[in-house]
């Protein structure tokens, strides 16, 4: 059976697919990243065509590392949230018992 964190993170449970930061800062960072990659790729094509495929391969490896890091961070954050909720209910229950 698949781990629920994996199912959430990889979009088998829909909320993950719907998250994209909508801030101007995020949009600008994406534009800068795409522009830098495009410029480097143009320069690499002019100087050495073989470097382009090497660059793409390295970029793909980085994306895999990034995906794994994001999945781990998502799981950690989710677990922390659950612990916060559990502790909150636990303290509420203790307070209600003390009032009786």
C-alpha atoms as a PDB file:
ATOM      1  CA  UNK A   1       0.000   0.000   0.000  1.00  0.00           C
ATOM      2  CA  UNK A   2       1.307   3.448  -0.905  1.00  0.00           C
ATOM      3  CA  UNK A   3       2.277   5.951   1.773  1.00  0.00           C
ATOM      4  CA  UNK A   4      -0.340   8.732   2.047  1.00  0.00           C
ATOM      5  CA  UNK A   5       2.400  11.370   2.032  1.00  0.00           C
ATOM      6  CA  UNK A   6       3.651  10.069  -1.310  1.00  0.00           C
ATOM      7  CA  UNK A   7       0.122   9.936  -2.697  1.00  0.00           C
ATOM      8  CA  UNK A   8      -0.485  13.541  -1.633  1.00  0.00           C
ATOM      9  CA  UNK A   9       2.855  14.813  -2.842  1.00  0.00           C
ATOM     10  CA  UNK A  10       2.795  13.107  -6.240  1.00  0.00           C
ATOM     11  CA  UNK A  11      -0.721  14.209  -7.110  1.00  0.00           C
ATOM     12  CA  UNK A  12      -2.659  11.023  -6.623  1.00  0.00           C
ATOM     13  CA  UNK A  13      -4.621  13.109  -4.154  1.00  0.00           C
ATOM     14  CA  UNK A  14      -5.486  16.312  -6.043  1.00  0.00           C
ATOM     15  CA  UNK A  15      -4.465  19.220  -3.719  1.00  0.00           C
ATOM     16  CA  UNK A  16      -0.799  18.856  -4.665  1.00  0.00           C
ATOM     17  CA  UNK A  17      -1.567  19.526  -8.315  1.00  0.00           C
ATOM     18  CA  UNK A  18      -3.306  22.774  -7.471  1.00  0.00           C
ATOM     19  CA  UNK A  19      -0.436  24.461  -5.618  1.00  0.00           C
ATOM     20  CA  UNK A  20       1.616  27.055  -7.457  1.00  0.00           C
ATOM     21  CA  UNK A  21       2.830  30.138  -5.616  1.00  0.00           C
ATOM     22  CA  UNK A  22       1.056  33.141  -7.071  1.00  0.00           C
ATOM     23  CA  UNK A  23       3.348  35.783  -5.628  1.00  0.00           C
ATOM     24  CA  UNK A  24       5.108  38.286  -7.827  1.00  0.00           C
ATOM     25  CA  UNK A  25       8.404  37.236  -6.220  1.00  0.00           C
ATOM     26  CA  UNK A  26       7.887  33.630  -7.377  1.00  0.00           C
ATOM     27  CA  UNK A  27       6.904  34.691 -10.887  1.00  0.00           C
ATOM     28  CA  UNK A  28       9.971  36.919 -11.179  1.00  0.00           C
ATOM     29  CA  UNK A  29      12.263  34.172  -9.868  1.00  0.00           C
ATOM     30  CA  UNK A  30      10.862  31.771 -12.486  1.00  0.00           C
ATOM     31  CA  UNK A  31      11.406  34.336 -15.253  1.00  0.00           C
ATOM     32  CA  UNK A  32      15.009  34.934 -14.134  1.00  0.00           C
ATOM     33  CA  UNK A  33      15.691  31.196 -14.022  1.00  0.00           C
ATOM     34  CA  UNK A  34      14.215  30.561 -17.475  1.00  0.00           C
ATOM     35  CA  UNK A  35      16.062  33.546 -18.944  1.00  0.00           C
ATOM     36  CA  UNK A  36      19.395  32.415 -17.455  1.00  0.00           C
ATOM     37  CA  UNK A  37      18.944  28.868 -18.776  1.00  0.00           C
ATOM     38  CA  UNK A  38      17.981  30.135 -22.233  1.00  0.00           C
ATOM     39  CA  UNK A  39      20.953  32.499 -22.428  1.00  0.00           C
ATOM     40  CA  UNK A  40      23.382  29.839 -21.271  1.00  0.00           C
ATOM     41  CA  UNK A  41      21.963  27.348 -23.753  1.00  0.00           C
ATOM     42  CA  UNK A  42      22.367  29.844 -26.625  1.00  0.00           C
ATOM     43  CA  UNK A  43      25.952  30.542 -25.659  1.00  0.00           C
ATOM     44  CA  UNK A  44      26.691  26.852 -25.289  1.00  0.00           C
ATOM     45  CA  UNK A  45      25.249  26.094 -28.733  1.00  0.00           C
ATOM     46  CA  UNK A  46      27.530  28.687 -30.243  1.00  0.00           C
ATOM     47  CA  UNK A  47      30.641  27.384 -28.472  1.00  0.00           C
ATOM     48  CA  UNK A  48      30.147  23.656 -28.111  1.00  0.00           C
ATOM     49  CA  UNK A  49      27.055  21.729 -29.133  1.00  0.00           C
ATOM     50  CA  UNK A  50      28.026  18.721 -27.023  1.00  0.00           C
ATOM     51  CA  UNK A  51      27.840  20.826 -23.856  1.00  0.00           C
ATOM     52  CA  UNK A  52      24.128  21.454 -24.402  1.00  0.00           C
ATOM     53  CA  UNK A  53      23.209  17.809 -23.912  1.00  0.00           C
ATOM     54  CA  UNK A  54      25.539  17.590 -20.927  1.00  0.00           C
ATOM     55  CA  UNK A  55      23.894  20.670 -19.403  1.00  0.00           C
ATOM     56  CA  UNK A  56      20.418  19.172 -19.955  1.00  0.00           C
ATOM     57  CA  UNK A  57      21.516  15.928 -18.293  1.00  0.00           C
ATOM     58  CA  UNK A  58      22.872  17.789 -15.266  1.00  0.00           C
ATOM     59  CA  UNK A  59      19.713  19.882 -15.045  1.00  0.00           C
ATOM     60  CA  UNK A  60      17.569  16.721 -15.083  1.00  0.00           C
ATOM     61  CA  UNK A  61      19.658  15.232 -12.263  1.00  0.00           C
ATOM     62  CA  UNK A  62      19.209  18.412 -10.242  1.00  0.00           C
ATOM     63  CA  UNK A  63      15.458  18.313 -10.808  1.00  0.00           C
ATOM     64  CA  UNK A  64      15.363  14.757  -9.423  1.00  0.00           C
ATOM     65  CA  UNK A  65      17.293  15.839  -6.317  1.00  0.00           C
ATOM     66  CA  UNK A  66      15.003  18.843  -5.915  1.00  0.00           C
ATOM     67  CA  UNK A  67      11.886  16.689  -6.288  1.00  0.00           C
ATOM     68  CA  UNK A  68      13.093  14.322  -3.551  1.00  0.00           C
ATOM     69  CA  UNK A  69      13.978  17.232  -1.248  1.00  0.00           C
ATOM     70  CA  UNK A  70      10.574  18.818  -1.784  1.00  0.00           C
ATOM     71  CA  UNK A  71       8.798  15.523  -1.091  1.00  0.00           C
ATOM     72  CA  UNK A  72      10.731  15.115   2.176  1.00  0.00           C
ATOM     73  CA  UNK A  73      10.033  18.721   3.200  1.00  0.00           C
ATOM     74  CA  UNK A  74       6.339  18.264   2.399  1.00  0.00           C
ATOM     75  CA  UNK A  75       6.145  15.136   4.551  1.00  0.00           C
ATOM     76  CA  UNK A  76       8.010  16.786   7.425  1.00  0.00           C
ATOM     77  CA  UNK A  77       5.748  19.852   7.298  1.00  0.00           C
ATOM     78  CA  UNK A  78       2.631  17.734   7.150  1.00  0.00           C
ATOM     79  CA  UNK A  79       3.746  15.630  10.117  1.00  0.00           C
ATOM     80  CA  UNK A  80       4.494  18.789  12.100  1.00  0.00           C
ATOM     81  CA  UNK A  81       1.015  20.110  11.318  1.00  0.00           C
ATOM     82  CA  UNK A  82      -0.591  16.890  12.501  1.00  0.00           C
ATOM     83  CA  UNK A  83       1.448  17.003  15.715  1.00  0.00           C
ATOM     84  CA  UNK A  84       0.322  20.599  16.319  1.00  0.00           C
ATOM     85  CA  UNK A  85      -3.320  19.627  15.871  1.00  0.00           C
ATOM     86  CA  UNK A  86      -2.928  16.551  18.092  1.00  0.00           C
ATOM     87  CA  UNK A  87      -1.286  18.567  20.865  1.00  0.00           C
ATOM     88  CA  UNK A  88      -3.947  21.242  20.590  1.00  0.00           C
ATOM     89  CA  UNK A  89      -6.736  18.681  21.042  1.00  0.00           C
ATOM     90  CA  UNK A  90      -4.808  17.008  23.848  1.00  0.00           C
ATOM     91  CA  UNK A  91      -4.523  20.257  25.810  1.00  0.00           C
ATOM     92  CA  UNK A  92      -8.190  21.103  25.157  1.00  0.00           C
ATOM     93  CA  UNK A  93      -9.216  17.679  26.504  1.00  0.00           C
ATOM     94  CA  UNK A  94      -7.088  18.120  29.636  1.00  0.00           C
ATOM     95  CA  UNK A  95      -8.582  21.584  30.268  1.00  0.00           C
ATOM     96  CA  UNK A  96     -12.122  20.259  29.868  1.00  0.00           C
ATOM     97  CA  UNK A  97     -11.402  17.400  32.327  1.00  0.00           C
ATOM     98  CA  UNK A  98      -9.954  19.872  34.873  1.00  0.00           C
ATOM     99  CA  UNK A  99     -13.115  21.988  34.701  1.00  0.00           C
ATOM    100  CA  UNK A 100     -15.325  19.034  35.683  1.00  0.00           C
END
